Amino acid sequence: MTVRLKELRDDAGWSQADLAEAAGGLDPSYISLLERGLRKITIYRGMAIADALSKKLGRPISVSDVFGTGPDQGRNAVASTVPKEVAG
């Protein structure tokens, strides 16, 4: 499945730098790598990006809307590791 991040970012009228800042101060080059499918993302950063897009677009956007669903989407997969202290 194709990463929809660039499409959603374009819909929001944001540059990579705009989205990076709105998602908690990420590096714009990180957004570029995600858009090209060259980087996996943690669920926490995925949630921050989805939340920023939701606020800008005025509609609910989920992590799976941005990055696809399923246990493994190749290079575009969301890393679902949860730190031990969070998992309990």
PDB file of N, CA and C in Angstrom:
ATOM      1  N   MET A   1       0.847  -1.184   0.000  1.00  0.00           N
ATOM      2  CA  MET A   1       0.000   0.000   0.000  1.00  0.00           C
ATOM      3  C   MET A   1       0.894   1.249   0.000  1.00  0.00           C
ATOM      4  N   THR A   2       0.473   2.221  -0.747  1.00  0.00           N
ATOM      5  CA  THR A   2       1.241   3.455  -0.880  1.00  0.00           C
ATOM      6  C   THR A   2       1.046   4.347   0.336  1.00  0.00           C
ATOM      7  N   VAL A   3       2.097   4.986   0.725  1.00  0.00           N
ATOM      8  CA  VAL A   3       2.009   5.951   1.814  1.00  0.00           C
ATOM      9  C   VAL A   3       1.213   7.159   1.321  1.00  0.00           C
ATOM     10  N   ARG A   4       0.192   7.533   2.065  1.00  0.00           N
ATOM     11  CA  ARG A   4      -0.669   8.650   1.677  1.00  0.00           C
ATOM     12  C   ARG A   4      -0.238   9.964   2.329  1.00  0.00           C
ATOM     13  N   LEU A   5       0.864   9.949   3.022  1.00  0.00           N
ATOM     14  CA  LEU A   5       1.277  11.124   3.778  1.00  0.00           C
ATOM     15  C   LEU A   5       1.384  12.365   2.895  1.00  0.00           C
ATOM     16  N   LYS A   6       2.053  12.258   1.766  1.00  0.00           N
ATOM     17  CA  LYS A   6       2.235  13.433   0.905  1.00  0.00           C
ATOM     18  C   LYS A   6       0.890  13.958   0.414  1.00  0.00           C
ATOM     19  N   GLU A   7       0.000  13.060   0.021  1.00  0.00           N
ATOM     20  CA  GLU A   7      -1.323  13.463  -0.444  1.00  0.00           C
ATOM     21  C   GLU A   7      -2.082  14.230   0.642  1.00  0.00           C
ATOM     22  N   LEU A   8      -2.058  13.700   1.858  1.00  0.00           N
ATOM     23  CA  LEU A   8      -2.754  14.371   2.970  1.00  0.00           C
ATOM     24  C   LEU A   8      -2.081  15.693   3.332  1.00  0.00           C
ATOM     25  N   ARG A   9      -0.756  15.716   3.285  1.00  0.00           N
ATOM     26  CA  ARG A   9      -0.028  16.960   3.584  1.00  0.00           C
ATOM     27  C   ARG A   9      -0.363  18.021   2.540  1.00  0.00           C
ATOM     28  N   ASP A  10      -0.409  17.610   1.264  1.00  0.00           N
ATOM     29  CA  ASP A  10      -0.773  18.548   0.202  1.00  0.00           C
ATOM     30  C   ASP A  10      -2.206  19.055   0.383  1.00  0.00           C
ATOM     31  N   ASP A  11      -3.117  18.144   0.768  1.00  0.00           N
ATOM     32  CA  ASP A  11      -4.504  18.547   1.027  1.00  0.00           C
ATOM     33  C   ASP A  11      -4.574  19.614   2.124  1.00  0.00           C
ATOM     34  N   ALA A  12      -3.680  19.501   3.094  1.00  0.00           N
ATOM     35  CA  ALA A  12      -3.642  20.458   4.203  1.00  0.00           C
ATOM     36  C   ALA A  12      -2.967  21.774   3.807  1.00  0.00           C
ATOM     37  N   GLY A  13      -2.292  21.785   2.645  1.00  0.00           N
ATOM     38  CA  GLY A  13      -1.595  22.996   2.216  1.00  0.00           C
ATOM     39  C   GLY A  13      -0.309  23.253   2.966  1.00  0.00           C
ATOM     40  N   TRP A  14       0.271  22.194   3.507  1.00  0.00           N
ATOM     41  CA  TRP A  14       1.487  22.322   4.305  1.00  0.00           C
ATOM     42  C   TRP A  14       2.725  21.879   3.541  1.00  0.00           C
ATOM     43  N   SER A  15       3.836  22.522   3.859  1.00  0.00           N
ATOM     44  CA  SER A  15       5.142  22.041   3.422  1.00  0.00           C
ATOM     45  C   SER A  15       5.573  20.922   4.368  1.00  0.00           C
ATOM     46  N   GLN A  16       6.650  20.245   4.030  1.00  0.00           N
ATOM     47  CA  GLN A  16       7.189  19.223   4.939  1.00  0.00           C
ATOM     48  C   GLN A  16       7.596  19.866   6.259  1.00  0.00           C
ATOM     49  N   ALA A  17       8.146  21.063   6.198  1.00  0.00           N
ATOM     50  CA  ALA A  17       8.547  21.766   7.427  1.00  0.00           C
ATOM     51  C   ALA A  17       7.336  22.120   8.281  1.00  0.00           C
ATOM     52  N   ASP A  18       6.241  22.536   7.649  1.00  0.00           N
ATOM     53  CA  ASP A  18       5.020  22.863   8.390  1.00  0.00           C
ATOM     54  C   ASP A  18       4.500  21.646   9.143  1.00  0.00           C
ATOM     55  N   LEU A  19       4.422  20.497   8.447  1.00  0.00           N
ATOM     56  CA  LEU A  19       3.928  19.284   9.080  1.00  0.00           C
ATOM     57  C   LEU A  19       4.863  18.832  10.188  1.00  0.00           C
ATOM     58  N   ALA A  20       6.159  18.893   9.932  1.00  0.00           N
ATOM     59  CA  ALA A  20       7.135  18.476  10.931  1.00  0.00           C
ATOM     60  C   ALA A  20       6.969  19.285  12.221  1.00  0.00           C
ATOM     61  N   GLU A  21       6.798  20.581  12.087  1.00  0.00           N
ATOM     62  CA  GLU A  21       6.618  21.447  13.257  1.00  0.00           C
ATOM     63  C   GLU A  21       5.303  21.133  13.972  1.00  0.00           C
ATOM     64  N   ALA A  22       4.223  20.986  13.207  1.00  0.00           N
ATOM     65  CA  ALA A  22       2.910  20.723  13.803  1.00  0.00           C
ATOM     66  C   ALA A  22       2.853  19.366  14.500  1.00  0.00           C
ATOM     67  N   ALA A  23       3.701  18.445  14.077  1.00  0.00           N
ATOM     68  CA  ALA A  23       3.717  17.096  14.659  1.00  0.00           C
ATOM     69  C   ALA A  23       4.690  16.993  15.826  1.00  0.00           C
ATOM     70  N   GLY A  24       5.074  18.098  16.367  1.00  0.00           N
ATOM     71  CA  GLY A  24       5.901  18.061  17.570  1.00  0.00           C
ATOM     72  C   GLY A  24       7.366  18.376  17.361  1.00  0.00           C
ATOM     73  N   GLY A  25       7.677  19.078  16.287  1.00  0.00           N
ATOM     74  CA  GLY A  25       9.061  19.488  16.071  1.00  0.00           C
ATOM     75  C   GLY A  25       9.940  18.428  15.442  1.00  0.00           C
ATOM     76  N   LEU A  26       9.358  17.608  14.571  1.00  0.00           N
ATOM     77  CA  LEU A  26      10.157  16.614  13.856  1.00  0.00           C
ATOM     78  C   LEU A  26      11.025  17.316  12.820  1.00  0.00           C
ATOM     79  N   ASP A  27      12.027  16.627  12.326  1.00  0.00           N
ATOM     80  CA  ASP A  27      12.882  17.172  11.284  1.00  0.00           C
ATOM     81  C   ASP A  27      12.162  17.044   9.935  1.00  0.00           C
ATOM     82  N   PRO A  28      12.133  18.108   9.127  1.00  0.00           N
ATOM     83  CA  PRO A  28      11.477  18.013   7.822  1.00  0.00           C
ATOM     84  C   PRO A  28      12.047  16.910   6.927  1.00  0.00           C
ATOM     85  N   SER A  29      13.334  16.616   7.059  1.00  0.00           N
ATOM     86  CA  SER A  29      13.915  15.547   6.245  1.00  0.00           C
ATOM     87  C   SER A  29      13.338  14.186   6.628  1.00  0.00           C
ATOM     88  N   TYR A  30      12.907  14.045   7.872  1.00  0.00           N
ATOM     89  CA  TYR A  30      12.251  12.819   8.334  1.00  0.00           C
ATOM     90  C   TYR A  30      10.909  12.640   7.620  1.00  0.00           C
ATOM     91  N   ILE A  31      10.162  13.737   7.466  1.00  0.00           N
ATOM     92  CA  ILE A  31       8.897  13.699   6.733  1.00  0.00           C
ATOM     93  C   ILE A  31       9.155  13.285   5.286  1.00  0.00           C
ATOM     94  N   SER A  32      10.203  13.808   4.687  1.00  0.00           N
ATOM     95  CA  SER A  32      10.561  13.446   3.312  1.00  0.00           C
ATOM     96  C   SER A  32      10.847  11.957   3.183  1.00  0.00           C
ATOM     97  N   LEU A  33      11.609  11.415   4.127  1.00  0.00           N
ATOM     98  CA  LEU A  33      11.917   9.980   4.097  1.00  0.00           C
ATOM     99  C   LEU A  33      10.654   9.137   4.248  1.00  0.00           C
ATOM    100  N   LEU A  34       9.741   9.567   5.107  1.00  0.00           N
ATOM    101  CA  LEU A  34       8.480   8.852   5.279  1.00  0.00           C
ATOM    102  C   LEU A  34       7.662   8.872   3.997  1.00  0.00           C
ATOM    103  N   GLU A  35       7.595  10.034   3.370  1.00  0.00           N
ATOM    104  CA  GLU A  35       6.800  10.170   2.151  1.00  0.00           C
ATOM    105  C   GLU A  35       7.331   9.292   1.023  1.00  0.00           C
ATOM    106  N   ARG A  36       8.626   9.081   0.998  1.00  0.00           N
ATOM    107  CA  ARG A  36       9.228   8.248  -0.048  1.00  0.00           C
ATOM    108  C   ARG A  36       9.295   6.775   0.349  1.00  0.00           C
ATOM    109  N   GLY A  37       8.795   6.453   1.546  1.00  0.00           N
ATOM    110  CA  GLY A  37       8.786   5.064   1.989  1.00  0.00           C
ATOM    111  C   GLY A  37      10.154   4.537   2.363  1.00  0.00           C
ATOM    112  N   LEU A  38      11.060   5.433   2.722  1.00  0.00           N
ATOM    113  CA  LEU A  38      12.431   5.039   3.041  1.00  0.00           C
ATOM    114  C   LEU A  38      12.677   4.904   4.532  1.00  0.00           C
ATOM    115  N   ARG A  39      11.657   5.129   5.324  1.00  0.00           N
ATOM    116  CA  ARG A  39      11.817   5.101   6.773  1.00  0.00           C
ATOM    117  C   ARG A  39      10.580   4.510   7.422  1.00  0.00           C
ATOM    118  N   LYS A  40      10.763   3.698   8.432  1.00  0.00           N
ATOM    119  CA  LYS A  40       9.651   3.224   9.251  1.00  0.00           C
ATOM    120  C   LYS A  40       9.402   4.261  10.338  1.00  0.00           C
ATOM    121  N   ILE A  41       8.221   4.204  10.904  1.00  0.00           N
ATOM    122  CA  ILE A  41       7.860   5.188  11.912  1.00  0.00           C
ATOM    123  C   ILE A  41       7.305   4.470  13.137  1.00  0.00           C
ATOM    124  N   THR A  42       7.554   5.039  14.292  1.00  0.00           N
ATOM    125  CA  THR A  42       6.958   4.474  15.502  1.00  0.00           C
ATOM    126  C   THR A  42       5.490   4.878  15.558  1.00  0.00           C
ATOM    127  N   ILE A  43       4.720   4.129  16.278  1.00  0.00           N
ATOM    128  CA  ILE A  43       3.300   4.433  16.418  1.00  0.00           C
ATOM    129  C   ILE A  43       3.095   5.804  17.058  1.00  0.00           C
ATOM    130  N   TYR A  44       3.998   6.201  17.952  1.00  0.00           N
ATOM    131  CA  TYR A  44       3.870   7.490  18.625  1.00  0.00           C
ATOM    132  C   TYR A  44       4.039   8.658  17.657  1.00  0.00           C
ATOM    133  N   ARG A  45       5.043   8.572  16.792  1.00  0.00           N
ATOM    134  CA  ARG A  45       5.219   9.642  15.793  1.00  0.00           C
ATOM    135  C   ARG A  45       4.102   9.600  14.768  1.00  0.00           C
ATOM    136  N   GLY A  46       3.661   8.409  14.411  1.00  0.00           N
ATOM    137  CA  GLY A  46       2.534   8.281  13.490  1.00  0.00           C
ATOM    138  C   GLY A  46       1.290   8.940  14.046  1.00  0.00           C
ATOM    139  N   MET A  47       1.060   8.746  15.332  1.00  0.00           N
ATOM    140  CA  MET A  47      -0.101   9.361  15.982  1.00  0.00           C
ATOM    141  C   MET A  47       0.032  10.883  15.997  1.00  0.00           C
ATOM    142  N   ALA A  48       1.236  11.394  16.234  1.00  0.00           N
ATOM    143  CA  ALA A  48       1.453  12.845  16.256  1.00  0.00           C
ATOM    144  C   ALA A  48       1.195  13.445  14.871  1.00  0.00           C
ATOM    145  N   ILE A  49       1.642  12.759  13.826  1.00  0.00           N
ATOM    146  CA  ILE A  49       1.420  13.233  12.460  1.00  0.00           C
ATOM    147  C   ILE A  49      -0.063  13.184  12.121  1.00  0.00           C
ATOM    148  N   ALA A  50      -0.726  12.080  12.443  1.00  0.00           N
ATOM    149  CA  ALA A  50      -2.163  11.951  12.167  1.00  0.00           C
ATOM    150  C   ALA A  50      -2.960  13.012  12.921  1.00  0.00           C
ATOM    151  N   ASP A  51      -2.589  13.280  14.168  1.00  0.00           N
ATOM    152  CA  ASP A  51      -3.282  14.283  14.964  1.00  0.00           C
ATOM    153  C   ASP A  51      -3.109  15.675  14.353  1.00  0.00           C
ATOM    154  N   ALA A  52      -1.902  16.006  13.927  1.00  0.00           N
ATOM    155  CA  ALA A  52      -1.647  17.315  13.316  1.00  0.00           C
ATOM    156  C   ALA A  52      -2.469  17.469  12.037  1.00  0.00           C
ATOM    157  N   LEU A  53      -2.514  16.419  11.218  1.00  0.00           N
ATOM    158  CA  LEU A  53      -3.300  16.479   9.983  1.00  0.00           C
ATOM    159  C   LEU A  53      -4.794  16.570  10.283  1.00  0.00           C
ATOM    160  N   SER A  54      -5.252  15.867  11.310  1.00  0.00           N
ATOM    161  CA  SER A  54      -6.667  15.925  11.699  1.00  0.00           C
ATOM    162  C   SER A  54      -7.081  17.340  12.067  1.00  0.00           C
ATOM    163  N   LYS A  55      -6.245  18.011  12.847  1.00  0.00           N
ATOM    164  CA  LYS A  55      -6.551  19.372  13.281  1.00  0.00           C
ATOM    165  C   LYS A  55      -6.575  20.327  12.090  1.00  0.00           C
ATOM    166  N   LYS A  56      -5.620  20.185  11.186  1.00  0.00           N
ATOM    167  CA  LYS A  56      -5.531  21.088  10.034  1.00  0.00           C
ATOM    168  C   LYS A  56      -6.670  20.842   9.044  1.00  0.00           C
ATOM    169  N   LEU A  57      -6.986  19.570   8.781  1.00  0.00           N
ATOM    170  CA  LEU A  57      -8.007  19.246   7.785  1.00  0.00           C
ATOM    171  C   LEU A  57      -9.422  19.264   8.350  1.00  0.00           C
ATOM    172  N   GLY A  58      -9.547  19.317   9.680  1.00  0.00           N
ATOM    173  CA  GLY A  58     -10.855  19.379  10.304  1.00  0.00           C
ATOM    174  C   GLY A  58     -11.665  18.102  10.198  1.00  0.00           C
ATOM    175  N   ARG A  59     -10.967  16.979  10.088  1.00  0.00           N
ATOM    176  CA  ARG A  59     -11.629  15.675  10.045  1.00  0.00           C
ATOM    177  C   ARG A  59     -10.705  14.645  10.655  1.00  0.00           C
ATOM    178  N   PRO A  60     -11.267  13.570  11.168  1.00  0.00           N
ATOM    179  CA  PRO A  60     -10.427  12.549  11.803  1.00  0.00           C
ATOM    180  C   PRO A  60      -9.499  11.874  10.781  1.00  0.00           C
ATOM    181  N   ILE A  61      -8.239  11.801  11.126  1.00  0.00           N
ATOM    182  CA  ILE A  61      -7.236  11.099  10.328  1.00  0.00           C
ATOM    183  C   ILE A  61      -6.565  10.111  11.270  1.00  0.00           C
ATOM    184  N   SER A  62      -6.520   8.850  10.903  1.00  0.00           N
ATOM    185  CA  SER A  62      -5.872   7.839  11.748  1.00  0.00           C
ATOM    186  C   SER A  62      -4.494   7.505  11.196  1.00  0.00           C
ATOM    187  N   VAL A  63      -3.711   6.834  12.001  1.00  0.00           N
ATOM    188  CA  VAL A  63      -2.382   6.394  11.566  1.00  0.00           C
ATOM    189  C   VAL A  63      -2.521   5.493  10.341  1.00  0.00           C
ATOM    190  N   SER A  64      -3.521   4.615  10.336  1.00  0.00           N
ATOM    191  CA  SER A  64      -3.684   3.722   9.187  1.00  0.00           C
ATOM    192  C   SER A  64      -4.120   4.492   7.937  1.00  0.00           C
ATOM    193  N   ASP A  65      -4.807   5.621   8.086  1.00  0.00           N
ATOM    194  CA  ASP A  65      -5.136   6.466   6.934  1.00  0.00           C
ATOM    195  C   ASP A  65      -3.869   7.016   6.282  1.00  0.00           C
ATOM    196  N   VAL A  66      -2.886   7.320   7.104  1.00  0.00           N
ATOM    197  CA  VAL A  66      -1.659   7.940   6.624  1.00  0.00           C
ATOM    198  C   VAL A  66      -0.669   6.903   6.103  1.00  0.00           C
ATOM    199  N   PHE A  67      -0.520   5.799   6.819  1.00  0.00           N
ATOM    200  CA  PHE A  67       0.558   4.868   6.521  1.00  0.00           C
ATOM    201  C   PHE A  67       0.107   3.484   6.086  1.00  0.00           C
ATOM    202  N   GLY A  68      -1.174   3.234   5.943  1.00  0.00           N
ATOM    203  CA  GLY A  68      -1.638   1.916   5.534  1.00  0.00           C
ATOM    204  C   GLY A  68      -1.908   1.035   6.739  1.00  0.00           C
ATOM    205  N   THR A  69      -2.448  -0.138   6.470  1.00  0.00           N
ATOM    206  CA  THR A  69      -2.790  -1.066   7.535  1.00  0.00           C
ATOM    207  C   THR A  69      -2.149  -2.406   7.275  1.00  0.00           C
ATOM    208  N   GLY A  70      -2.304  -3.313   8.216  1.00  0.00           N
ATOM    209  CA  GLY A  70      -1.769  -4.656   8.056  1.00  0.00           C
ATOM    210  C   GLY A  70      -0.514  -4.846   8.862  1.00  0.00           C
ATOM    211  N   PRO A  71      -0.126  -6.104   9.073  1.00  0.00           N
ATOM    212  CA  PRO A  71       1.017  -6.394   9.921  1.00  0.00           C
ATOM    213  C   PRO A  71       2.341  -5.928   9.343  1.00  0.00           C
ATOM    214  N   ASP A  72       2.454  -5.882   8.019  1.00  0.00           N
ATOM    215  CA  ASP A  72       3.708  -5.445   7.409  1.00  0.00           C
ATOM    216  C   ASP A  72       3.424  -4.891   6.026  1.00  0.00           C
ATOM    217  N   GLN A  73       3.692  -3.641   5.852  1.00  0.00           N
ATOM    218  CA  GLN A  73       3.511  -3.004   4.554  1.00  0.00           C
ATOM    219  C   GLN A  73       4.871  -2.721   3.929  1.00  0.00           C
ATOM    220  N   GLY A  74       5.792  -3.651   4.056  1.00  0.00           N
ATOM    221  CA  GLY A  74       7.128  -3.472   3.481  1.00  0.00           C
ATOM    222  C   GLY A  74       7.862  -2.330   4.131  1.00  0.00           C
ATOM    223  N   ARG A  75       8.524  -1.527   3.305  1.00  0.00           N
ATOM    224  CA  ARG A  75       9.304  -0.410   3.831  1.00  0.00           C
ATOM    225  C   ARG A  75       8.420   0.651   4.461  1.00  0.00           C
ATOM    226  N   ASN A  76       7.131   0.627   4.168  1.00  0.00           N
ATOM    227  CA  ASN A  76       6.225   1.647   4.684  1.00  0.00           C
ATOM    228  C   ASN A  76       5.561   1.252   5.992  1.00  0.00           C
ATOM    229  N   ALA A  77       5.954   0.158   6.575  1.00  0.00           N
ATOM    230  CA  ALA A  77       5.295  -0.345   7.782  1.00  0.00           C
ATOM    231  C   ALA A  77       5.512   0.591   8.962  1.00  0.00           C
ATOM    232  N   VAL A  78       4.501   0.675   9.786  1.00  0.00           N
ATOM    233  CA  VAL A  78       4.612   1.437  11.028  1.00  0.00           C
ATOM    234  C   VAL A  78       5.205   0.509  12.066  1.00  0.00           C
ATOM    235  N   ALA A  79       6.264   0.923  12.713  1.00  0.00           N
ATOM    236  CA  ALA A  79       6.875   0.122  13.755  1.00  0.00           C
ATOM    237  C   ALA A  79       5.966   0.153  14.969  1.00  0.00           C
ATOM    238  N   SER A  80       5.508  -1.000  15.383  1.00  0.00           N
ATOM    239  CA  SER A  80       4.519  -1.041  16.466  1.00  0.00           C
ATOM    240  C   SER A  80       5.131  -1.449  17.791  1.00  0.00           C
ATOM    241  N   THR A  81       6.399  -1.236  17.957  1.00  0.00           N
ATOM    242  CA  THR A  81       7.023  -1.592  19.219  1.00  0.00           C
ATOM    243  C   THR A  81       6.600  -0.610  20.303  1.00  0.00           C
ATOM    244  N   VAL A  82       6.307  -1.153  21.457  1.00  0.00           N
ATOM    245  CA  VAL A  82       5.908  -0.336  22.598  1.00  0.00           C
ATOM    246  C   VAL A  82       6.946  -0.538  23.694  1.00  0.00           C
ATOM    247  N   PRO A  83       7.489   0.563  24.223  1.00  0.00           N
ATOM    248  CA  PRO A  83       8.469   0.407  25.300  1.00  0.00           C
ATOM    249  C   PRO A  83       7.916  -0.397  26.461  1.00  0.00           C
ATOM    250  N   LYS A  84       8.767  -1.166  27.139  1.00  0.00           N
ATOM    251  CA  LYS A  84       8.344  -2.006  28.253  1.00  0.00           C
ATOM    252  C   LYS A  84       7.603  -1.230  29.332  1.00  0.00           C
ATOM    253  N   GLU A  85       8.059  -0.023  29.613  1.00  0.00           N
ATOM    254  CA  GLU A  85       7.433   0.749  30.682  1.00  0.00           C
ATOM    255  C   GLU A  85       6.010   1.150  30.316  1.00  0.00           C
ATOM    256  N   VAL A  86       5.697   1.237  29.021  1.00  0.00           N
ATOM    257  CA  VAL A  86       4.339   1.558  28.580  1.00  0.00           C
ATOM    258  C   VAL A  86       3.486   0.311  28.512  1.00  0.00           C
ATOM    259  N   ALA A  87       4.075  -0.797  28.030  1.00  0.00           N
ATOM    260  CA  ALA A  87       3.346  -2.052  27.848  1.00  0.00           C
ATOM    261  C   ALA A  87       2.954  -2.668  29.180  1.00  0.00           C
ATOM    262  N   GLY A  88       3.732  -2.390  30.210  1.00  0.00           N
ATOM    263  CA  GLY A  88       3.416  -2.885  31.556  1.00  0.00           C
ATOM    264  C   GLY A  88       3.851  -4.270  31.724  1.00  0.00           C
TER     265      GLY A  88
END
